[in-house]
Amino acid sequence: MGRTTPSFRIAEAQEIEEWRRFRRSLPKRERPAFDEMLNAARLYASASSAAVRTSRFEGMAMAIAFHHFKLLSGVLDK
């Protein structure tokens, strides 16, 4: 049997896990902001998976940038 590609949500969780060392190196007071940023990527997991990019981080980065753009432009009330 061939290897199946994991769903984007699973791949996204794996990517977040790979950033765990980076998170631990942040000052404790900054870790919640980092967690919130990565959680923003989860809001757009369906759109990221539809984009079919070669890198799972690419979709996550665009989702984070899009979410922050919406926050800054006032389109999204937090």
Protein backbone atom coordinates (compact mmCIF):
# COMPACT_ATOMS: atom_id res chain seq x y z
CA MET A 1 0.00 0.00 0.00
CA GLY A 2 1.13 3.51 -0.71
CA ARG A 3 1.55 6.14 1.94
CA THR A 4 -1.37 8.46 2.38
CA THR A 5 -0.97 12.17 2.84
CA PRO A 6 -2.17 13.34 6.25
CA SER A 7 -5.04 15.79 6.36
CA PHE A 8 -4.06 19.43 6.59
CA ARG A 9 -5.27 19.64 10.18
CA ILE A 10 -2.97 16.78 11.17
CA ALA A 11 -0.06 18.27 9.21
CA GLU A 12 -0.75 21.64 10.83
CA ALA A 13 -0.63 20.07 14.30
CA GLN A 14 2.70 18.46 13.37
CA GLU A 15 4.05 21.82 12.19
CA ILE A 16 2.99 23.48 15.44
CA GLU A 17 4.72 20.72 17.39
CA GLU A 18 7.93 21.35 15.43
CA TRP A 19 7.87 24.98 16.62
CA ARG A 20 7.74 23.88 20.27
CA ARG A 21 11.49 24.52 20.84
CA PHE A 22 11.11 28.04 19.45
CA ARG A 23 8.18 28.61 21.80
CA ARG A 24 10.16 27.39 24.81
CA SER A 25 12.94 29.83 23.98
CA LEU A 26 10.56 32.80 24.18
CA PRO A 27 10.15 34.65 27.48
CA LYS A 28 7.21 33.21 29.40
CA ARG A 29 5.22 36.44 29.09
CA GLU A 30 5.42 36.20 25.27
CA ARG A 31 4.36 32.56 24.92
CA PRO A 32 0.61 33.25 25.10
CA ALA A 33 0.91 35.66 22.15
CA PHE A 34 2.79 33.00 20.16
CA ASP A 35 0.10 30.43 21.00
CA GLU A 36 -2.63 32.85 19.96
CA MET A 37 -0.85 33.49 16.67
CA LEU A 38 -0.66 29.78 15.87
CA ASN A 39 -4.30 29.33 16.91
CA ALA A 40 -5.22 31.97 14.33
CA ALA A 41 -3.85 29.63 11.65
CA ARG A 42 -6.29 26.95 12.77
CA LEU A 43 -9.21 29.26 12.01
CA TYR A 44 -8.41 29.02 8.31
CA ALA A 45 -7.36 25.36 8.05
CA SER A 46 -9.96 24.63 5.36
CA ALA A 47 -8.76 27.52 3.19
CA SER A 48 -5.12 26.53 3.75
CA SER A 49 -5.79 22.95 2.69
CA ALA A 50 -7.64 24.15 -0.41
CA ALA A 51 -4.62 26.22 -1.45
CA VAL A 52 -2.56 23.01 -1.93
CA ARG A 53 0.87 24.52 -1.31
CA THR A 54 4.10 22.55 -1.23
CA SER A 55 4.82 23.67 2.33
CA ARG A 56 2.30 23.28 5.14
CA PHE A 57 3.85 26.32 6.81
CA GLU A 58 3.04 28.46 3.77
CA GLY A 59 -0.68 27.99 4.30
CA MET A 60 -0.35 28.63 8.01
CA ALA A 61 1.67 31.81 7.46
CA MET A 62 -0.91 33.16 5.00
CA ALA A 63 -3.73 32.33 7.43
CA ILE A 64 -1.92 34.15 10.25
CA ALA A 65 -1.18 37.16 8.02
CA PHE A 66 -4.79 37.26 6.82
CA HIS A 67 -6.16 37.06 10.34
CA HIS A 68 -3.89 39.83 11.54
CA PHE A 69 -4.80 41.96 8.53
CA LYS A 70 -8.47 41.56 9.42
CA LEU A 71 -7.75 42.55 13.02
CA LEU A 72 -5.74 45.61 12.01
CA SER A 73 -8.22 46.77 9.39
CA GLY A 74 -11.15 46.46 11.81
CA VAL A 75 -12.95 43.86 9.69
CA LEU A 76 -12.73 41.36 12.53
CA ASP A 77 -13.71 42.31 16.04
CA LYS A 78 -11.79 40.38 18.62
